[in-house]
Amino acid sequence: DLGSSSPVPVNGRIVIAGKRGTVYLLKPSLGGIGGDVAHLSGCTAFSGGARIGKRVIMPCREGSRLLSVGKRSMHWRWSASGIYGSPVVAGKKVYVDDANSGALKVLSLRSGHVLSSHAVGGPTHFTSVVVDGNHVFVPSMSGITAFHGS
């Protein structure tokens, strides 16, 4: 079931994952069942990914993961275990409102290591972090929390 995540265009291809834990690399023309260019396991996705050039940060239940995408192949570059949510990239940082901890996690784009963690409270079901200049806005069940200079 691929309806639980958004397709991400990258490198002339489409990357999408779903509830079964498989990531597919597709041609834009799709090609029907079995028409994937490549696939790999390791990402049960329920929201949208973030693209940076030929890389996609995937919102996997297993943890946020960075995927390198070629024309005919994909491979995992890093994994931030246990951190789940829709990623947003700004500069050299990845922002994820972690549904598991209720905290905004700031990750290194290069390594996936947690740079900082900020308490937010109970996350909404499908949270979308917004970055605007030096501000990061995170919705929660009790309102919106703004961070400066994260």
N, C-alpha and C. Protein backbone atom coordinates (compact mmCIF):
# COMPACT_ATOMS: atom_id res chain seq x y z
N ASP A 1 0.84 -1.18 0.00
CA ASP A 1 0.00 0.00 0.00
C ASP A 1 0.89 1.24 0.00
N LEU A 2 0.91 1.95 -1.11
CA LEU A 2 1.74 3.14 -1.23
C LEU A 2 0.98 4.43 -0.94
N GLY A 3 -0.26 4.32 -0.52
CA GLY A 3 -1.08 5.49 -0.25
C GLY A 3 -0.77 6.18 1.06
N SER A 4 0.14 5.63 1.86
CA SER A 4 0.43 6.22 3.16
C SER A 4 1.58 7.22 3.12
N SER A 5 2.23 7.36 1.96
CA SER A 5 3.32 8.34 1.84
C SER A 5 3.21 9.07 0.51
N SER A 6 3.96 10.14 0.39
CA SER A 6 3.94 10.95 -0.83
C SER A 6 5.09 10.55 -1.74
N PRO A 7 4.85 10.53 -3.06
CA PRO A 7 5.95 10.26 -3.99
C PRO A 7 6.92 11.44 -4.00
N VAL A 8 8.20 11.13 -4.17
CA VAL A 8 9.24 12.17 -4.20
C VAL A 8 9.97 12.08 -5.53
N PRO A 9 9.89 13.13 -6.37
CA PRO A 9 10.64 13.12 -7.62
C PRO A 9 12.12 13.40 -7.34
N VAL A 10 12.99 12.57 -7.89
CA VAL A 10 14.43 12.76 -7.69
C VAL A 10 15.19 12.10 -8.83
N ASN A 11 16.13 12.82 -9.41
CA ASN A 11 17.03 12.27 -10.41
C ASN A 11 16.28 11.66 -11.60
N GLY A 12 15.17 12.27 -12.00
CA GLY A 12 14.39 11.76 -13.13
C GLY A 12 13.59 10.52 -12.80
N ARG A 13 13.46 10.19 -11.55
CA ARG A 13 12.72 9.02 -11.09
C ARG A 13 11.75 9.43 -9.99
N ILE A 14 10.96 8.47 -9.52
CA ILE A 14 10.03 8.68 -8.41
C ILE A 14 10.42 7.70 -7.30
N VAL A 15 10.54 8.20 -6.07
CA VAL A 15 10.82 7.37 -4.90
C VAL A 15 9.56 7.38 -4.05
N ILE A 16 9.13 6.19 -3.62
CA ILE A 16 7.96 6.09 -2.75
C ILE A 16 8.08 4.84 -1.88
N ALA A 17 7.59 4.94 -0.67
CA ALA A 17 7.57 3.81 0.27
C ALA A 17 6.16 3.69 0.82
N GLY A 18 5.89 2.57 1.46
CA GLY A 18 4.56 2.37 2.00
C GLY A 18 4.54 1.53 3.25
N LYS A 19 3.38 1.00 3.53
CA LYS A 19 3.14 0.27 4.77
C LYS A 19 3.88 -1.07 4.85
N ARG A 20 4.27 -1.63 3.73
CA ARG A 20 4.95 -2.93 3.74
C ARG A 20 6.43 -2.83 4.07
N GLY A 21 6.98 -1.61 4.10
CA GLY A 21 8.38 -1.45 4.44
C GLY A 21 9.33 -1.49 3.26
N THR A 22 8.79 -1.39 2.05
CA THR A 22 9.62 -1.41 0.83
C THR A 22 9.64 -0.04 0.19
N VAL A 23 10.83 0.40 -0.23
CA VAL A 23 10.99 1.65 -0.97
C VAL A 23 11.15 1.28 -2.44
N TYR A 24 10.41 1.97 -3.30
CA TYR A 24 10.46 1.69 -4.74
C TYR A 24 11.05 2.87 -5.49
N LEU A 25 11.85 2.56 -6.50
CA LEU A 25 12.36 3.55 -7.45
C LEU A 25 11.63 3.28 -8.76
N LEU A 26 10.87 4.28 -9.22
CA LEU A 26 10.02 4.11 -10.39
C LEU A 26 10.39 5.10 -11.48
N LYS A 27 10.12 4.72 -12.72
CA LYS A 27 10.19 5.66 -13.83
C LYS A 27 8.94 6.53 -13.75
N PRO A 28 8.99 7.77 -14.23
CA PRO A 28 7.79 8.61 -14.18
C PRO A 28 6.60 7.99 -14.91
N SER A 29 6.86 7.14 -15.90
CA SER A 29 5.78 6.48 -16.63
C SER A 29 5.24 5.28 -15.86
N LEU A 30 5.83 4.98 -14.69
CA LEU A 30 5.47 3.91 -13.77
C LEU A 30 5.73 2.52 -14.33
N GLY A 31 5.02 2.06 -15.35
CA GLY A 31 5.32 0.74 -15.91
C GLY A 31 4.50 -0.39 -15.34
N GLY A 32 3.55 -0.11 -14.47
CA GLY A 32 2.67 -1.15 -13.96
C GLY A 32 3.30 -1.97 -12.86
N ILE A 33 2.57 -2.95 -12.37
CA ILE A 33 3.03 -3.82 -11.30
C ILE A 33 4.29 -4.55 -11.75
N GLY A 34 5.30 -4.51 -10.89
CA GLY A 34 6.58 -5.13 -11.22
C GLY A 34 7.44 -4.25 -12.11
N GLY A 35 7.01 -3.03 -12.39
CA GLY A 35 7.75 -2.14 -13.28
C GLY A 35 8.74 -1.23 -12.57
N ASP A 36 9.05 -1.53 -11.31
CA ASP A 36 10.00 -0.69 -10.59
C ASP A 36 11.41 -0.88 -11.15
N VAL A 37 12.19 0.18 -11.09
CA VAL A 37 13.59 0.14 -11.53
C VAL A 37 14.42 -0.57 -10.47
N ALA A 38 14.11 -0.29 -9.21
CA ALA A 38 14.80 -0.91 -8.08
C ALA A 38 13.90 -0.82 -6.86
N HIS A 39 14.19 -1.62 -5.86
CA HIS A 39 13.49 -1.52 -4.58
C HIS A 39 14.42 -2.02 -3.48
N LEU A 40 14.14 -1.56 -2.27
CA LEU A 40 14.89 -2.03 -1.13
C LEU A 40 14.03 -1.96 0.11
N SER A 41 14.36 -2.74 1.10
CA SER A 41 13.55 -2.81 2.31
C SER A 41 14.11 -1.87 3.38
N GLY A 42 13.31 -1.68 4.43
CA GLY A 42 13.80 -0.92 5.56
C GLY A 42 13.11 0.39 5.83
N CYS A 43 11.89 0.61 5.24
CA CYS A 43 11.22 1.88 5.51
C CYS A 43 9.71 1.72 5.42
N THR A 44 9.07 1.61 6.59
CA THR A 44 7.62 1.64 6.67
C THR A 44 7.23 3.11 6.80
N ALA A 45 6.69 3.69 5.74
CA ALA A 45 6.47 5.14 5.69
C ALA A 45 4.99 5.50 5.79
N PHE A 46 4.72 6.59 6.52
CA PHE A 46 3.36 7.08 6.69
C PHE A 46 3.27 8.59 6.52
N SER A 47 4.20 9.21 5.85
CA SER A 47 4.12 10.66 5.59
C SER A 47 5.08 11.00 4.46
N GLY A 48 5.38 12.26 4.26
CA GLY A 48 6.20 12.68 3.14
C GLY A 48 7.68 12.78 3.48
N GLY A 49 8.51 12.54 2.47
CA GLY A 49 9.95 12.66 2.60
C GLY A 49 10.42 14.05 2.19
N ALA A 50 11.70 14.30 2.36
CA ALA A 50 12.30 15.58 1.98
C ALA A 50 13.47 15.30 1.02
N ARG A 51 13.50 16.01 -0.12
CA ARG A 51 14.55 15.79 -1.12
C ARG A 51 15.60 16.88 -1.05
N ILE A 52 16.85 16.45 -1.18
CA ILE A 52 18.00 17.35 -1.28
C ILE A 52 18.86 16.81 -2.40
N GLY A 53 18.79 17.42 -3.58
CA GLY A 53 19.55 16.91 -4.72
C GLY A 53 19.14 15.49 -5.05
N LYS A 54 20.10 14.57 -5.00
CA LYS A 54 19.84 13.16 -5.31
C LYS A 54 19.68 12.31 -4.05
N ARG A 55 19.30 12.98 -2.97
CA ARG A 55 19.09 12.28 -1.69
C ARG A 55 17.68 12.58 -1.19
N VAL A 56 17.12 11.59 -0.47
CA VAL A 56 15.79 11.76 0.11
C VAL A 56 15.85 11.31 1.56
N ILE A 57 15.34 12.15 2.45
CA ILE A 57 15.21 11.75 3.84
C ILE A 57 13.82 11.15 3.97
N MET A 58 13.80 9.88 4.32
CA MET A 58 12.55 9.12 4.38
C MET A 58 12.00 9.12 5.81
N PRO A 59 10.67 9.29 5.95
CA PRO A 59 10.01 9.27 7.25
C PRO A 59 9.63 7.84 7.64
N CYS A 60 10.57 7.06 8.05
CA CYS A 60 10.35 5.65 8.34
C CYS A 60 9.97 5.45 9.80
N ARG A 61 9.04 4.55 10.05
CA ARG A 61 8.68 4.21 11.43
C ARG A 61 9.89 3.68 12.20
N GLU A 62 10.80 3.04 11.49
CA GLU A 62 12.00 2.47 12.10
C GLU A 62 12.99 3.56 12.51
N GLY A 63 12.84 4.75 11.94
CA GLY A 63 13.72 5.88 12.18
C GLY A 63 13.92 6.65 10.89
N SER A 64 14.17 7.93 10.98
CA SER A 64 14.43 8.73 9.79
C SER A 64 15.67 8.20 9.10
N ARG A 65 15.62 8.12 7.76
CA ARG A 65 16.74 7.53 7.01
C ARG A 65 17.06 8.36 5.78
N LEU A 66 18.35 8.48 5.48
CA LEU A 66 18.80 9.19 4.28
C LEU A 66 19.08 8.17 3.19
N LEU A 67 18.45 8.39 2.04
CA LEU A 67 18.54 7.49 0.90
C LEU A 67 19.24 8.20 -0.25
N SER A 68 20.28 7.59 -0.80
CA SER A 68 20.92 8.11 -2.02
C SER A 68 20.25 7.44 -3.21
N VAL A 69 19.92 8.25 -4.22
CA VAL A 69 19.16 7.75 -5.36
C VAL A 69 19.93 7.94 -6.66
N GLY A 70 20.10 6.85 -7.40
CA GLY A 70 20.68 6.90 -8.73
C GLY A 70 19.59 6.63 -9.76
N LYS A 71 19.95 6.53 -11.02
CA LYS A 71 18.98 6.24 -12.07
C LYS A 71 18.44 4.82 -11.98
N ARG A 72 19.28 3.89 -11.48
CA ARG A 72 18.90 2.49 -11.44
C ARG A 72 19.07 1.83 -10.06
N SER A 73 19.45 2.63 -9.07
CA SER A 73 19.70 2.04 -7.76
C SER A 73 19.48 3.05 -6.64
N MET A 74 19.38 2.50 -5.42
CA MET A 74 19.25 3.31 -4.21
C MET A 74 20.04 2.62 -3.11
N HIS A 75 20.55 3.39 -2.16
CA HIS A 75 21.16 2.79 -0.98
C HIS A 75 21.04 3.74 0.21
N TRP A 76 20.97 3.13 1.40
CA TRP A 76 20.85 3.91 2.64
C TRP A 76 22.21 4.50 3.00
N ARG A 77 22.22 5.78 3.39
CA ARG A 77 23.44 6.45 3.84
C ARG A 77 23.53 6.51 5.36
N TRP A 78 22.41 6.83 6.02
CA TRP A 78 22.38 6.82 7.48
C TRP A 78 20.97 6.58 7.98
N SER A 79 20.88 6.27 9.26
CA SER A 79 19.59 6.06 9.91
C SER A 79 19.63 6.69 11.30
N ALA A 80 18.58 7.42 11.65
CA ALA A 80 18.42 7.99 12.99
C ALA A 80 17.34 7.15 13.68
N SER A 81 17.77 6.08 14.30
CA SER A 81 16.85 5.10 14.87
C SER A 81 15.88 5.71 15.87
N GLY A 82 14.62 5.30 15.76
CA GLY A 82 13.61 5.70 16.72
C GLY A 82 13.04 7.10 16.52
N ILE A 83 13.51 7.85 15.53
CA ILE A 83 13.01 9.21 15.29
C ILE A 83 12.08 9.16 14.09
N TYR A 84 10.79 9.39 14.34
CA TYR A 84 9.78 9.26 13.29
C TYR A 84 8.96 10.53 13.14
N GLY A 85 8.86 11.00 11.92
CA GLY A 85 8.04 12.16 11.57
C GLY A 85 8.43 12.67 10.21
N SER A 86 7.66 13.60 9.68
CA SER A 86 7.97 14.18 8.37
C SER A 86 9.18 15.09 8.50
N PRO A 87 10.25 14.82 7.75
CA PRO A 87 11.45 15.65 7.85
C PRO A 87 11.34 16.93 7.03
N VAL A 88 12.03 17.96 7.52
CA VAL A 88 12.19 19.22 6.80
C VAL A 88 13.68 19.54 6.83
N VAL A 89 14.22 19.94 5.69
CA VAL A 89 15.65 20.27 5.61
C VAL A 89 15.81 21.77 5.44
N ALA A 90 16.72 22.34 6.23
CA ALA A 90 17.09 23.75 6.11
C ALA A 90 18.59 23.83 6.34
N GLY A 91 19.30 24.29 5.34
CA GLY A 91 20.76 24.35 5.44
C GLY A 91 21.33 22.95 5.57
N LYS A 92 22.13 22.73 6.60
CA LYS A 92 22.76 21.43 6.82
C LYS A 92 22.11 20.66 7.97
N LYS A 93 20.84 21.02 8.25
CA LYS A 93 20.12 20.38 9.35
C LYS A 93 18.81 19.78 8.87
N VAL A 94 18.39 18.74 9.57
CA VAL A 94 17.11 18.08 9.33
C VAL A 94 16.28 18.25 10.59
N TYR A 95 15.06 18.71 10.42
CA TYR A 95 14.14 18.93 11.55
C TYR A 95 13.02 17.89 11.48
N VAL A 96 12.82 17.19 12.59
CA VAL A 96 11.76 16.18 12.66
C VAL A 96 11.03 16.34 13.99
N ASP A 97 9.70 16.53 13.91
CA ASP A 97 8.90 16.52 15.13
C ASP A 97 8.65 15.05 15.43
N ASP A 98 9.42 14.52 16.34
CA ASP A 98 9.43 13.09 16.62
C ASP A 98 8.15 12.65 17.32
N ALA A 99 7.34 11.85 16.62
CA ALA A 99 6.08 11.36 17.17
C ALA A 99 6.31 10.43 18.36
N ASN A 100 7.49 9.83 18.44
CA ASN A 100 7.78 8.90 19.54
C ASN A 100 8.06 9.62 20.86
N SER A 101 8.74 10.75 20.82
CA SER A 101 9.14 11.44 22.05
C SER A 101 8.39 12.75 22.30
N GLY A 102 7.72 13.28 21.27
CA GLY A 102 7.06 14.57 21.41
C GLY A 102 8.05 15.72 21.45
N ALA A 103 9.24 15.51 20.85
CA ALA A 103 10.28 16.54 20.83
C ALA A 103 10.68 16.86 19.40
N LEU A 104 11.09 18.10 19.18
CA LEU A 104 11.69 18.47 17.91
C LEU A 104 13.13 17.97 17.93
N LYS A 105 13.47 17.12 16.99
CA LYS A 105 14.83 16.60 16.88
C LYS A 105 15.51 17.33 15.73
N VAL A 106 16.71 17.83 15.99
CA VAL A 106 17.52 18.48 14.97
C VAL A 106 18.68 17.55 14.66
N LEU A 107 18.72 17.09 13.41
CA LEU A 107 19.74 16.12 12.98
C LEU A 107 20.74 16.75 12.04
N SER A 108 21.94 16.20 12.02
CA SER A 108 22.94 16.59 11.04
C SER A 108 22.56 15.97 9.69
N LEU A 109 22.48 16.78 8.65
CA LEU A 109 22.18 16.26 7.32
C LEU A 109 23.25 15.29 6.85
N ARG A 110 24.49 15.55 7.22
CA ARG A 110 25.61 14.72 6.78
C ARG A 110 25.63 13.35 7.45
N SER A 111 25.36 13.29 8.75
CA SER A 111 25.54 12.04 9.48
C SER A 111 24.27 11.45 10.09
N GLY A 112 23.23 12.26 10.26
CA GLY A 112 22.02 11.79 10.92
C GLY A 112 22.08 11.84 12.43
N HIS A 113 23.21 12.27 12.98
CA HIS A 113 23.34 12.36 14.44
C HIS A 113 22.44 13.47 14.98
N VAL A 114 21.90 13.26 16.17
CA VAL A 114 21.05 14.26 16.81
C VAL A 114 21.93 15.39 17.32
N LEU A 115 21.68 16.60 16.81
CA LEU A 115 22.43 17.78 17.23
C LEU A 115 21.79 18.41 18.47
N SER A 116 20.45 18.38 18.52
CA SER A 116 19.73 18.91 19.66
C SER A 116 18.32 18.34 19.69
N SER A 117 17.70 18.46 20.87
CA SER A 117 16.34 17.97 21.06
C SER A 117 15.61 19.00 21.91
N HIS A 118 14.39 19.35 21.49
CA HIS A 118 13.62 20.39 22.17
C HIS A 118 12.22 19.88 22.49
N ALA A 119 11.83 19.92 23.75
CA ALA A 119 10.49 19.46 24.15
C ALA A 119 9.42 20.32 23.50
N VAL A 120 8.41 19.66 22.97
CA VAL A 120 7.30 20.36 22.32
C VAL A 120 5.98 19.99 22.97
N GLY A 121 5.81 18.75 23.35
CA GLY A 121 4.55 18.27 23.90
C GLY A 121 3.93 17.28 22.94
N GLY A 122 2.69 16.94 23.20
CA GLY A 122 2.00 15.93 22.39
C GLY A 122 1.89 16.34 20.94
N PRO A 123 2.51 15.56 20.04
CA PRO A 123 2.46 15.91 18.62
C PRO A 123 1.08 15.62 18.02
N THR A 124 0.74 16.36 16.98
CA THR A 124 -0.48 16.07 16.23
C THR A 124 -0.22 14.79 15.44
N HIS A 125 -1.25 14.22 14.84
CA HIS A 125 -1.12 12.92 14.17
C HIS A 125 -0.10 12.98 13.02
N PHE A 126 -0.21 13.95 12.13
CA PHE A 126 0.75 14.10 11.04
C PHE A 126 1.31 15.52 11.10
N THR A 127 2.29 15.72 11.93
CA THR A 127 2.88 17.03 12.17
C THR A 127 3.73 17.48 10.99
N SER A 128 3.65 18.77 10.67
CA SER A 128 4.51 19.37 9.66
C SER A 128 5.28 20.52 10.29
N VAL A 129 6.57 20.35 10.40
CA VAL A 129 7.45 21.41 10.91
C VAL A 129 7.63 22.44 9.80
N VAL A 130 7.69 23.71 10.18
CA VAL A 130 7.93 24.78 9.22
C VAL A 130 9.18 25.54 9.66
N VAL A 131 10.10 25.75 8.70
CA VAL A 131 11.30 26.54 8.96
C VAL A 131 11.18 27.81 8.13
N ASP A 132 11.35 28.95 8.80
CA ASP A 132 11.31 30.25 8.13
C ASP A 132 12.43 31.11 8.69
N GLY A 133 13.46 31.32 7.88
CA GLY A 133 14.62 32.07 8.35
C GLY A 133 15.28 31.35 9.52
N ASN A 134 15.42 32.05 10.64
CA ASN A 134 16.01 31.46 11.85
C ASN A 134 14.96 30.89 12.81
N HIS A 135 13.75 30.72 12.35
CA HIS A 135 12.68 30.22 13.21
C HIS A 135 12.19 28.86 12.74
N VAL A 136 11.89 28.01 13.72
CA VAL A 136 11.31 26.70 13.46
C VAL A 136 9.99 26.66 14.22
N PHE A 137 8.91 26.33 13.52
CA PHE A 137 7.58 26.29 14.11
C PHE A 137 7.10 24.84 14.13
N VAL A 138 6.63 24.41 15.32
CA VAL A 138 6.21 23.03 15.51
C VAL A 138 4.81 23.00 16.14
N PRO A 139 3.82 22.46 15.42
CA PRO A 139 2.50 22.35 16.01
C PRO A 139 2.43 21.19 17.00
N SER A 140 1.58 21.33 18.00
CA SER A 140 1.35 20.25 18.96
C SER A 140 -0.13 20.28 19.34
N MET A 141 -0.53 19.38 20.19
CA MET A 141 -1.93 19.33 20.62
C MET A 141 -2.31 20.54 21.46
N SER A 142 -1.32 21.27 21.97
CA SER A 142 -1.62 22.43 22.82
C SER A 142 -1.33 23.78 22.15
N GLY A 143 -0.90 23.77 20.91
CA GLY A 143 -0.62 25.03 20.21
C GLY A 143 0.58 24.89 19.29
N ILE A 144 1.24 26.00 19.04
CA ILE A 144 2.41 26.03 18.17
C ILE A 144 3.59 26.53 18.99
N THR A 145 4.71 25.81 18.90
CA THR A 145 5.93 26.22 19.59
C THR A 145 6.89 26.75 18.55
N ALA A 146 7.49 27.91 18.84
CA ALA A 146 8.46 28.52 17.94
C ALA A 146 9.84 28.47 18.60
N PHE A 147 10.82 28.08 17.81
CA PHE A 147 12.21 28.06 18.26
C PHE A 147 13.00 29.04 17.40
N HIS A 148 13.95 29.73 18.04
CA HIS A 148 14.80 30.67 17.33
C HIS A 148 16.22 30.17 17.34
N GLY A 149 16.85 30.19 16.18
CA GLY A 149 18.27 29.89 16.11
C GLY A 149 18.62 28.44 16.26
N SER A 150 17.68 27.51 16.09
CA SER A 150 18.00 26.09 16.17
C SER A 150 18.89 25.78 15.04
